[in-house]
Amino acid sequence: MAVATDDSLSGPADPLLEAAELADALESDRFKQFLDKAPFAIAVSALKPAERIVYANVEFARLTGRVNQEILGGDWDRLPGVAAEDPGLSLGQAVVEEHDYVGAYMIPDTGTVDAWSNLIDDDDGTPAFRLVALVRAASTGSILDQLKQRVREKDLQLRELQHRVKNNLQLITALIRVEAQGVADHSTSEGFDRLAGRVEALGLLYRGLADAGPGDEVDLGVYLSEIASAVMRAHALEGIRLDLRVDSWPVSIDVAMPAGLVVNELLTNSLKHAFGGREAGTITLHCTADGRGCRVLIADDGVGLPEGLSWPKPGKLSALIAKSLMQNANATIDVRSAPGRGPGSPSSSTANSAAAA
């Protein structure tokens, strides 16, 4: 005989329920003694020729307030109780119409019970019996309250951790920038500066997560605008302005992190290399959303990339970050440049875009 039963009810009764005939097992003193002493309420009905209750243990009679004489031989409509969330649904109706866990039910003089209902098939796969189990839910509320309290405590601890991480990243950024100022070698100093920018971008991300409340999403538009402001402050050049336009677009941290690092990298590149010998220029950052996804555009009207140079450069960290963005956001990255073109020609500048679905 095949048994269909909920895992939460599995245990020592399983071998008995796998007996050749459940009807014979119900006549077994050993089986009845086991079920009569079970700490949860159990009742069984035979489905043929018409469904009728053939067994109920002591706990079932106690929880339902019905003695065996009132239960045995009848159908499940004899059970008292209505659904805790839908008083129009009776316990007797639910155990027939639903399977596995059927919900919480209020029984007069007993309180709330959790109910399960499972069909037991015979050898040819035809349902032959129904097993119903009830468990008093009086203690469940306190357990749920404890779990909810633990979740709230963990949430507060996580927020505190995010706050500390953000503060530590800000401190690390400041130390790296101070270190960069004291390095005579230009290439080493620039490397420190790039590292500081990346750490600061991560710090802004953690601040965004903390401010966003529950959940693991941040607004990409807001996040990128904060990165742009931080980069402009760190590398401010007289006469260089930022054309910023962003739409709201919630994304997961797995998308926001590489997107922020890519934008940080490109804006830093523009400020450091696009306007040599120039007194004015414009850097563009647009994050626009529509029904197809979100498009991020970073551009400048500077000198463009030197001939033979591409971005991201293979083997560098920027290439790894860009690859992560493409994988995590299902994004494409398009880089266009026409070196040597003069100012006021945005179409010839360094332009980078990423479209995320």
Protein backbone atom coordinates (compact mmCIF):
# COMPACT_ATOMS: atom_id res chain seq x y z
CA MET A 1 0.00 0.00 0.00
CA ALA A 2 1.36 3.41 -0.97
CA VAL A 3 1.12 6.19 1.61
CA ALA A 4 0.81 9.90 0.85
CA THR A 5 1.62 11.81 4.02
CA ASP A 6 3.13 15.13 5.07
CA ASP A 7 6.78 15.00 6.21
CA SER A 8 5.87 16.80 9.42
CA LEU A 9 3.74 13.82 10.44
CA SER A 10 6.28 11.14 9.57
CA GLY A 11 7.72 9.03 12.36
CA PRO A 12 7.22 5.67 14.06
CA ALA A 13 3.79 5.27 12.49
CA ASP A 14 5.21 5.02 8.97
CA PRO A 15 5.97 1.26 9.02
CA LEU A 16 2.46 0.56 10.34
CA LEU A 17 0.86 2.70 7.65
CA GLU A 18 2.78 0.69 5.07
CA ALA A 19 1.08 -2.53 6.20
CA ALA A 20 -0.66 -4.59 3.53
CA GLU A 21 -4.11 -3.37 4.59
CA LEU A 22 -4.76 -0.32 6.73
CA ALA A 23 -8.14 -1.76 7.68
CA ASP A 24 -6.39 -4.76 9.25
CA ALA A 25 -3.89 -2.46 10.95
CA LEU A 26 -6.69 -0.50 12.56
CA GLU A 27 -7.87 -3.73 14.14
CA SER A 28 -4.39 -4.39 15.52
CA ASP A 29 -4.10 -3.74 19.27
CA ARG A 30 -0.45 -2.72 18.79
CA PHE A 31 -1.36 -0.13 16.18
CA LYS A 32 -4.29 1.25 18.17
CA GLN A 33 -2.22 1.45 21.36
CA PHE A 34 0.44 3.40 19.51
CA LEU A 35 -2.04 5.88 18.02
CA ASP A 36 -4.05 6.19 21.26
CA LYS A 37 -0.88 7.36 23.03
CA ALA A 38 0.27 9.69 20.24
CA PRO A 39 0.70 13.32 21.40
CA PHE A 40 -1.28 14.62 18.41
CA ALA A 41 -4.84 13.93 17.29
CA ILE A 42 -5.40 11.36 14.53
CA ALA A 43 -8.54 10.15 12.80
CA VAL A 44 -8.94 7.88 9.75
CA SER A 45 -11.83 7.50 7.32
CA ALA A 46 -12.47 4.73 4.79
CA LEU A 47 -13.41 6.14 1.38
CA LYS A 48 -15.32 3.14 0.04
CA PRO A 49 -18.19 2.58 -0.52
CA ALA A 50 -18.99 5.98 1.04
CA GLU A 51 -16.57 7.92 3.18
CA ARG A 52 -16.99 7.31 6.91
CA ILE A 53 -14.73 7.77 9.91
CA VAL A 54 -13.43 4.40 11.14
CA TYR A 55 -10.91 5.45 13.78
CA ALA A 56 -10.19 8.41 16.09
CA ASN A 57 -7.62 8.37 18.88
CA VAL A 58 -8.05 9.76 22.38
CA GLU A 59 -6.37 13.09 21.58
CA PHE A 60 -8.64 13.60 18.57
CA ALA A 61 -11.73 13.18 20.73
CA ARG A 62 -10.28 15.55 23.35
CA LEU A 63 -9.38 18.34 20.89
CA THR A 64 -12.69 18.17 19.01
CA GLY A 65 -14.81 17.75 22.13
CA ARG A 66 -16.49 14.73 20.53
CA VAL A 67 -16.55 11.24 22.02
CA ASN A 68 -15.97 8.31 19.66
CA GLN A 69 -19.66 7.48 19.56
CA GLU A 70 -20.27 10.89 17.99
CA ILE A 71 -17.46 10.56 15.46
CA LEU A 72 -17.17 6.97 14.33
CA GLY A 73 -19.38 5.91 11.46
CA GLY A 74 -20.07 9.48 10.38
CA ASP A 75 -18.44 11.86 7.93
CA TRP A 76 -16.14 14.81 8.55
CA ASP A 77 -19.03 17.28 8.76
CA ARG A 78 -19.41 16.10 12.37
CA LEU A 79 -16.21 17.95 13.26
CA PRO A 80 -16.57 21.34 14.96
CA GLY A 81 -14.39 24.30 14.09
CA VAL A 82 -14.04 27.03 11.46
CA ALA A 83 -11.01 28.49 9.70
CA ALA A 84 -9.25 31.17 11.74
CA GLU A 85 -8.98 33.44 8.69
CA ASP A 86 -12.28 32.45 6.99
CA PRO A 87 -15.15 31.66 9.40
CA GLY A 88 -17.21 30.50 6.44
CA LEU A 89 -14.93 27.49 5.92
CA SER A 90 -15.55 24.59 8.31
CA LEU A 91 -12.89 22.14 9.47
CA GLY A 92 -14.92 19.20 8.14
CA GLN A 93 -15.14 20.80 4.69
CA ALA A 94 -11.43 21.69 4.61
CA VAL A 95 -10.08 18.23 5.42
CA VAL A 96 -12.04 16.80 2.48
CA GLU A 97 -11.24 19.52 -0.05
CA GLU A 98 -7.62 20.29 0.87
CA HIS A 99 -4.46 18.20 1.20
CA ASP A 100 -1.35 18.32 3.37
CA TYR A 101 -1.50 21.33 5.72
CA VAL A 102 -5.03 22.75 5.50
CA GLY A 103 -4.65 25.66 7.93
CA ALA A 104 -5.49 26.87 11.42
CA TYR A 105 -9.01 26.30 12.80
CA MET A 106 -10.88 27.57 15.84
CA ILE A 107 -12.65 24.86 17.87
CA PRO A 108 -14.97 25.91 20.71
CA ASP A 109 -13.56 25.23 24.19
CA THR A 110 -10.28 24.09 22.62
CA GLY A 111 -8.82 27.08 20.83
CA THR A 112 -6.79 27.06 17.65
CA VAL A 113 -5.56 23.83 16.09
CA ASP A 114 -3.42 23.22 13.00
CA ALA A 115 -4.92 20.62 10.67
CA TRP A 116 -3.46 18.20 8.10
CA SER A 117 -5.28 15.91 5.68
CA ASN A 118 -3.71 13.22 3.50
CA LEU A 119 -5.04 10.47 1.26
CA ILE A 120 -3.68 6.92 1.54
CA ASP A 121 -3.69 4.91 -1.70
CA ASP A 122 -4.15 1.19 -2.11
CA ASP A 123 -1.85 -0.99 -4.21
CA ASP A 124 -3.28 0.12 -7.53
CA GLY A 125 -2.97 3.81 -6.67
CA THR A 126 -6.63 4.38 -5.85
CA PRO A 127 -7.33 6.52 -2.74
CA ALA A 128 -8.68 4.20 -0.05
CA PHE A 129 -8.34 6.09 3.24
CA ARG A 130 -8.04 9.64 4.51
CA LEU A 131 -5.83 10.44 7.49
CA VAL A 132 -6.54 13.65 9.40
CA ALA A 133 -4.25 15.03 12.10
CA LEU A 134 -4.78 17.95 14.48
CA VAL A 135 -2.20 19.68 16.67
CA ARG A 136 -3.06 22.24 19.31
CA ALA A 137 -1.69 25.59 18.20
CA ALA A 138 -1.86 27.35 21.55
CA SER A 139 1.93 27.33 21.89
CA THR A 140 2.52 28.12 18.23
CA GLY A 141 1.70 31.78 18.72
CA SER A 142 4.45 32.21 21.30
CA ILE A 143 6.91 30.39 19.05
CA LEU A 144 5.99 32.61 16.11
CA ASP A 145 6.30 35.68 18.31
CA GLN A 146 9.75 34.54 19.37
CA LEU A 147 10.76 33.94 15.77
CA LYS A 148 9.46 37.35 14.71
CA GLN A 149 11.37 38.96 17.55
CA ARG A 150 14.54 37.16 16.49
CA VAL A 151 14.05 38.36 12.91
CA ARG A 152 13.64 41.93 14.15
CA GLU A 153 16.79 41.59 16.25
CA LYS A 154 18.75 40.15 13.32
CA ASP A 155 17.50 42.98 11.12
CA LEU A 156 18.70 45.56 13.63
CA GLN A 157 22.05 43.78 13.90
CA LEU A 158 22.38 43.74 10.11
CA ARG A 159 21.61 47.45 9.90
CA GLU A 160 24.20 48.14 12.58
CA LEU A 161 26.71 46.03 10.65
CA GLN A 162 25.93 47.93 7.44
CA HIS A 163 26.41 51.22 9.30
CA ARG A 164 29.77 50.10 10.64
CA VAL A 165 30.88 48.82 7.24
CA LYS A 166 29.90 52.14 5.67
CA ASN A 167 31.87 54.08 8.31
CA ASN A 168 34.88 51.79 7.92
CA LEU A 169 34.83 52.17 4.13
CA GLN A 170 34.73 55.95 4.51
CA LEU A 171 37.75 55.78 6.81
CA ILE A 172 39.62 53.48 4.43
CA THR A 173 38.84 55.84 1.53
CA ALA A 174 40.24 58.81 3.45
CA LEU A 175 43.42 56.92 4.42
CA ILE A 176 44.02 55.79 0.84
CA ARG A 177 43.65 59.33 -0.48
CA VAL A 178 46.06 60.65 2.14
CA GLU A 179 48.53 57.92 1.19
CA ALA A 180 48.15 58.77 -2.50
CA GLN A 181 49.04 62.41 -1.86
CA GLY A 182 52.33 61.37 -0.29
CA VAL A 183 53.45 59.13 -3.18
CA ALA A 184 55.89 60.75 -5.59
CA ASP A 185 55.43 58.25 -8.41
CA HIS A 186 52.48 59.41 -10.56
CA SER A 187 51.37 55.93 -11.67
CA THR A 188 51.39 54.63 -8.09
CA SER A 189 49.52 57.69 -6.87
CA GLU A 190 46.88 57.24 -9.58
CA GLY A 191 46.49 53.59 -8.61
CA PHE A 192 45.84 54.59 -5.01
CA ASP A 193 43.34 57.16 -6.20
CA ARG A 194 41.42 54.61 -8.26
CA LEU A 195 41.34 52.25 -5.31
CA ALA A 196 39.94 55.01 -3.11
CA GLY A 197 37.21 55.69 -5.65
CA ARG A 198 36.20 52.04 -5.76
CA VAL A 199 36.08 51.77 -1.98
CA GLU A 200 34.02 54.96 -1.78
CA ALA A 201 31.56 53.55 -4.33
CA LEU A 202 31.09 50.48 -2.13
CA GLY A 203 30.57 52.72 0.89
CA LEU A 204 27.81 54.60 -0.94
CA LEU A 205 26.18 51.28 -1.82
CA TYR A 206 26.09 50.18 1.82
CA ARG A 207 24.61 53.53 2.78
CA GLY A 208 21.95 53.09 0.11
CA LEU A 209 21.10 49.63 1.44
CA ALA A 210 20.77 50.95 4.98
CA ASP A 211 18.55 53.86 3.88
CA ALA A 212 16.35 51.68 1.65
CA GLY A 213 14.82 49.75 4.56
CA PRO A 214 13.94 46.03 4.44
CA GLY A 215 14.97 44.17 1.31
CA ASP A 216 18.12 43.94 -0.78
CA GLU A 217 17.32 46.47 -3.53
CA VAL A 218 18.69 49.95 -4.12
CA ASP A 219 17.63 52.68 -6.53
CA LEU A 220 20.22 52.59 -9.31
CA GLY A 221 19.50 56.17 -10.40
CA VAL A 222 20.03 57.57 -6.90
CA TYR A 223 23.12 55.42 -6.35
CA LEU A 224 24.81 56.46 -9.60
CA SER A 225 24.07 60.14 -8.96
CA GLU A 226 25.77 59.83 -5.55
CA ILE A 227 28.80 58.21 -7.18
CA ALA A 228 28.94 61.01 -9.76
CA SER A 229 28.85 63.65 -7.02
CA ALA A 230 31.62 61.88 -5.09
CA VAL A 231 33.84 61.58 -8.18
CA MET A 232 33.32 65.24 -9.12
CA ARG A 233 34.23 66.31 -5.58
CA ALA A 234 37.36 64.18 -5.53
CA HIS A 235 38.63 65.23 -8.97
CA ALA A 236 37.04 68.63 -9.47
CA LEU A 237 38.36 70.56 -12.48
CA GLU A 238 37.59 74.20 -13.12
CA GLY A 239 35.23 74.60 -16.05
CA ILE A 240 34.14 70.94 -16.24
CA ARG A 241 30.43 70.49 -15.65
CA LEU A 242 28.30 67.38 -15.12
CA ASP A 243 25.16 66.77 -17.19
CA LEU A 244 23.21 64.48 -14.87
CA ARG A 245 19.80 62.93 -15.54
CA VAL A 246 18.60 59.80 -13.73
CA ASP A 247 15.38 57.81 -13.46
CA SER A 248 14.37 55.61 -10.57
CA TRP A 249 15.22 51.95 -11.22
CA PRO A 250 15.36 49.44 -8.33
CA VAL A 251 18.03 46.75 -8.71
CA SER A 252 19.61 44.08 -6.54
CA ILE A 253 22.97 44.56 -4.88
CA ASP A 254 24.48 42.11 -7.40
CA VAL A 255 23.60 44.56 -10.19
CA ALA A 256 24.18 47.83 -8.32
CA MET A 257 27.71 46.97 -7.19
CA PRO A 258 29.33 46.33 -10.60
CA ALA A 259 27.25 49.12 -12.22
CA GLY A 260 28.49 51.60 -9.63
CA LEU A 261 32.09 50.50 -10.03
CA VAL A 262 31.88 50.79 -13.83
CA VAL A 263 30.40 54.30 -13.62
CA ASN A 264 33.02 55.32 -11.06
CA GLU A 265 35.77 54.04 -13.36
CA LEU A 266 34.49 55.85 -16.44
CA LEU A 267 33.82 59.17 -14.74
CA THR A 268 37.27 59.09 -13.16
CA ASN A 269 38.82 58.34 -16.56
CA SER A 270 37.05 61.32 -18.12
CA LEU A 271 38.12 63.76 -15.44
CA LYS A 272 41.73 62.59 -15.48
CA HIS A 273 42.35 62.13 -19.19
CA ALA A 274 39.67 63.70 -21.41
CA PHE A 275 40.32 67.40 -20.87
CA GLY A 276 44.09 67.84 -20.93
CA GLY A 277 44.87 71.40 -21.92
CA ARG A 278 41.19 72.31 -21.89
CA GLU A 279 39.50 75.02 -19.87
CA ALA A 280 35.95 73.71 -20.26
CA GLY A 281 34.07 70.54 -21.01
CA THR A 282 31.02 68.44 -20.19
CA ILE A 283 30.68 64.97 -18.72
CA THR A 284 27.34 63.25 -19.21
CA LEU A 285 25.71 60.67 -16.96
CA HIS A 286 22.21 59.59 -17.91
CA CYS A 287 20.37 56.67 -16.32
CA THR A 288 17.08 56.31 -18.16
CA ALA A 289 14.43 53.61 -17.75
CA ASP A 290 11.63 52.44 -20.01
CA GLY A 291 9.57 49.31 -20.59
CA ARG A 292 12.58 47.45 -22.00
CA GLY A 293 14.96 48.08 -19.12
CA CYS A 294 17.47 50.66 -17.95
CA ARG A 295 20.15 52.38 -20.06
CA VAL A 296 23.17 54.06 -18.50
CA LEU A 297 25.14 56.51 -20.65
CA ILE A 298 28.50 58.00 -19.66
CA ALA A 299 30.05 60.39 -22.15
CA ASP A 300 32.35 63.39 -22.42
CA ASP A 301 33.23 65.92 -25.13
CA GLY A 302 36.94 65.52 -24.56
CA VAL A 303 39.76 64.21 -26.73
CA GLY A 304 38.56 60.62 -26.89
CA LEU A 305 40.55 57.44 -26.40
CA PRO A 306 44.07 57.33 -27.85
CA GLU A 307 44.35 55.35 -31.06
CA GLY A 308 44.78 51.63 -30.39
CA LEU A 309 43.49 51.87 -26.81
CA SER A 310 40.25 50.16 -25.81
CA TRP A 311 38.15 50.05 -22.67
CA PRO A 312 38.00 47.94 -20.64
CA LYS A 313 41.57 46.82 -21.08
CA PRO A 314 41.80 42.99 -21.06
CA GLY A 315 43.36 41.55 -17.93
CA LYS A 316 42.64 44.61 -15.80
CA LEU A 317 40.23 44.83 -12.88
CA SER A 318 37.94 47.09 -14.89
CA ALA A 319 37.43 44.27 -17.41
CA LEU A 320 36.44 41.89 -14.59
CA ILE A 321 33.99 44.45 -13.19
CA ALA A 322 32.44 45.04 -16.62
CA LYS A 323 32.06 41.28 -17.15
CA SER A 324 30.35 40.97 -13.77
CA LEU A 325 27.90 43.71 -14.73
CA MET A 326 27.04 42.01 -18.01
CA GLN A 327 26.46 38.67 -16.30
CA ASN A 328 24.51 39.91 -13.27
CA ALA A 329 22.30 42.41 -15.12
CA ASN A 330 21.96 40.66 -18.47
CA ALA A 331 23.58 43.82 -19.82
CA THR A 332 25.47 44.88 -22.93
CA ILE A 333 28.28 47.43 -22.94
CA ASP A 334 28.99 49.57 -26.00
CA VAL A 335 32.09 51.78 -26.12
CA ARG A 336 32.53 54.37 -28.85
CA SER A 337 35.28 56.92 -29.33
CA ALA A 338 36.72 59.11 -32.08
CA PRO A 339 40.12 60.36 -30.86
CA GLY A 340 41.44 63.68 -31.90
CA ARG A 341 38.11 65.45 -32.38
CA GLY A 342 37.78 68.87 -30.87
CA PRO A 343 35.55 70.19 -28.08
CA GLY A 344 31.84 70.65 -28.50
CA SER A 345 31.43 67.37 -30.37
CA PRO A 346 29.70 64.91 -28.05
CA SER A 347 29.37 62.41 -30.87
CA SER A 348 33.12 62.11 -31.02
CA SER A 349 33.72 61.75 -27.33
CA THR A 350 34.27 58.73 -25.12
CA ALA A 351 30.81 57.23 -24.69
CA ASN A 352 29.83 54.15 -22.74
CA SER A 353 26.41 52.64 -22.28
CA ALA A 354 24.96 49.63 -20.48
CA ALA A 355 21.42 48.34 -20.97
CA ALA A 356 20.07 46.12 -18.21
CA ALA A 357 16.81 44.16 -18.51
